Amino acid sequence: MQQQGRTTFIDITSSSSSFSSSSVMAEIGVDVFTVSLRSAVEMLSMCYGE
């Protein structure tokens, strides 16, 4: 039942605004990439800085 509702929601979202949805996904991806990159740099600087 829950699975069916989830797929229907995804279908509605993608059909109503696929461009907006994809741009939001790209934005989230960039944010995640930036955060992970920053944390990796901080880890490296902590390892080699001490």
N, C-alpha and C. Protein backbone atom coordinates (compact mmCIF):
# COMPACT_ATOMS: atom_id res chain seq x y z
N MET A 1 0.85 -1.20 0.00
CA MET A 1 0.00 0.00 0.00
C MET A 1 0.88 1.25 0.00
N GLN A 2 1.85 1.28 0.92
CA GLN A 2 2.72 2.44 1.00
C GLN A 2 3.58 2.57 -0.26
N GLN A 3 4.05 1.43 -0.76
CA GLN A 3 4.86 1.45 -1.98
C GLN A 3 4.07 2.05 -3.14
N GLN A 4 2.81 1.64 -3.26
CA GLN A 4 1.95 2.15 -4.34
C GLN A 4 1.81 3.67 -4.24
N GLY A 5 1.59 4.16 -3.03
CA GLY A 5 1.45 5.60 -2.84
C GLY A 5 2.72 6.34 -3.20
N ARG A 6 3.85 5.74 -2.87
CA ARG A 6 5.13 6.39 -3.15
C ARG A 6 5.34 6.50 -4.66
N THR A 7 5.08 5.41 -5.39
CA THR A 7 5.28 5.44 -6.85
C THR A 7 4.34 6.46 -7.49
N THR A 8 3.10 6.52 -7.02
CA THR A 8 2.14 7.48 -7.56
C THR A 8 2.64 8.90 -7.32
N PHE A 9 3.15 9.17 -6.15
CA PHE A 9 3.67 10.50 -5.82
C PHE A 9 4.83 10.86 -6.74
N ILE A 10 5.73 9.90 -6.97
CA ILE A 10 6.88 10.14 -7.85
C ILE A 10 6.39 10.42 -9.26
N ASP A 11 5.41 9.64 -9.74
CA ASP A 11 4.87 9.86 -11.08
C ASP A 11 4.27 11.25 -11.21
N ILE A 12 3.49 11.66 -10.22
CA ILE A 12 2.84 12.98 -10.24
C ILE A 12 3.91 14.07 -10.25
N THR A 13 4.92 13.93 -9.41
CA THR A 13 5.97 14.94 -9.32
C THR A 13 6.72 15.07 -10.63
N SER A 14 7.14 13.94 -11.19
CA SER A 14 7.95 13.97 -12.41
C SER A 14 7.14 14.49 -13.59
N SER A 15 5.85 14.14 -13.66
CA SER A 15 5.04 14.57 -14.80
C SER A 15 4.67 16.05 -14.68
N SER A 16 4.45 16.55 -13.46
CA SER A 16 4.01 17.92 -13.29
C SER A 16 5.15 18.90 -13.54
N SER A 17 6.35 18.60 -13.03
CA SER A 17 7.46 19.54 -13.21
C SER A 17 8.77 18.77 -13.21
N SER A 18 9.09 18.17 -14.35
CA SER A 18 10.31 17.36 -14.43
C SER A 18 11.54 18.27 -14.43
N PHE A 19 11.44 19.44 -15.09
CA PHE A 19 12.58 20.35 -15.15
C PHE A 19 12.91 20.90 -13.76
N SER A 20 11.88 21.39 -13.07
CA SER A 20 12.08 21.93 -11.72
C SER A 20 12.63 20.87 -10.80
N SER A 21 12.09 19.65 -10.92
CA SER A 21 12.53 18.55 -10.06
C SER A 21 13.99 18.23 -10.32
N SER A 22 14.39 18.18 -11.61
CA SER A 22 15.76 17.83 -11.94
C SER A 22 16.72 18.93 -11.48
N SER A 23 16.30 20.20 -11.61
CA SER A 23 17.16 21.29 -11.18
C SER A 23 17.35 21.26 -9.67
N VAL A 24 16.28 20.92 -8.94
CA VAL A 24 16.37 20.79 -7.49
C VAL A 24 17.32 19.65 -7.12
N MET A 25 17.20 18.54 -7.83
CA MET A 25 18.09 17.40 -7.58
C MET A 25 19.53 17.79 -7.85
N ALA A 26 19.78 18.55 -8.91
CA ALA A 26 21.13 18.99 -9.23
C ALA A 26 21.65 19.89 -8.11
N GLU A 27 20.79 20.79 -7.62
CA GLU A 27 21.19 21.68 -6.54
C GLU A 27 21.57 20.88 -5.30
N ILE A 28 20.73 19.89 -4.94
CA ILE A 28 21.01 19.05 -3.78
C ILE A 28 22.32 18.30 -3.98
N GLY A 29 22.54 17.79 -5.20
CA GLY A 29 23.77 17.07 -5.49
C GLY A 29 24.98 17.95 -5.30
N VAL A 30 24.89 19.20 -5.78
CA VAL A 30 26.01 20.14 -5.63
C VAL A 30 26.26 20.41 -4.16
N ASP A 31 25.19 20.62 -3.39
CA ASP A 31 25.32 20.89 -1.96
C ASP A 31 26.01 19.72 -1.26
N VAL A 32 25.56 18.51 -1.54
CA VAL A 32 26.14 17.32 -0.91
C VAL A 32 27.60 17.20 -1.30
N PHE A 33 27.90 17.43 -2.58
CA PHE A 33 29.29 17.33 -3.05
C PHE A 33 30.16 18.36 -2.35
N THR A 34 29.66 19.60 -2.23
CA THR A 34 30.44 20.66 -1.58
C THR A 34 30.71 20.31 -0.12
N VAL A 35 29.68 19.83 0.58
CA VAL A 35 29.82 19.50 2.00
C VAL A 35 30.82 18.36 2.19
N SER A 36 30.70 17.32 1.35
CA SER A 36 31.60 16.17 1.49
C SER A 36 33.03 16.58 1.14
N LEU A 37 33.18 17.43 0.13
CA LEU A 37 34.51 17.89 -0.26
C LEU A 37 35.13 18.70 0.87
N ARG A 38 34.34 19.59 1.46
CA ARG A 38 34.84 20.43 2.55
C ARG A 38 35.25 19.58 3.75
N SER A 39 34.43 18.59 4.10
CA SER A 39 34.76 17.74 5.25
C SER A 39 36.00 16.92 4.95
N ALA A 40 36.17 16.48 3.70
CA ALA A 40 37.37 15.72 3.33
C ALA A 40 38.61 16.60 3.46
N VAL A 41 38.51 17.84 3.02
CA VAL A 41 39.64 18.77 3.12
C VAL A 41 39.97 19.03 4.59
N GLU A 42 38.94 19.19 5.41
CA GLU A 42 39.17 19.42 6.84
C GLU A 42 39.86 18.21 7.47
N MET A 43 39.43 17.01 7.10
CA MET A 43 40.05 15.80 7.62
C MET A 43 41.53 15.74 7.23
N LEU A 44 41.81 16.05 5.97
CA LEU A 44 43.19 16.00 5.49
C LEU A 44 44.04 17.03 6.23
N SER A 45 43.51 18.24 6.40
CA SER A 45 44.29 19.28 7.07
C SER A 45 44.51 18.92 8.54
N MET A 46 43.54 18.24 9.17
CA MET A 46 43.71 17.82 10.56
C MET A 46 44.79 16.73 10.65
N CYS A 47 44.80 15.83 9.65
CA CYS A 47 45.78 14.74 9.68
C CYS A 47 47.19 15.27 9.47
N TYR A 48 47.34 16.15 8.47
CA TYR A 48 48.69 16.61 8.12
C TYR A 48 49.09 17.88 8.85
N GLY A 49 48.11 18.59 9.42
CA GLY A 49 48.42 19.85 10.08
C GLY A 49 49.05 19.64 11.45
N GLU A 50 48.61 18.60 12.15
CA GLU A 50 49.10 18.37 13.51
C GLU A 50 50.55 17.93 13.49
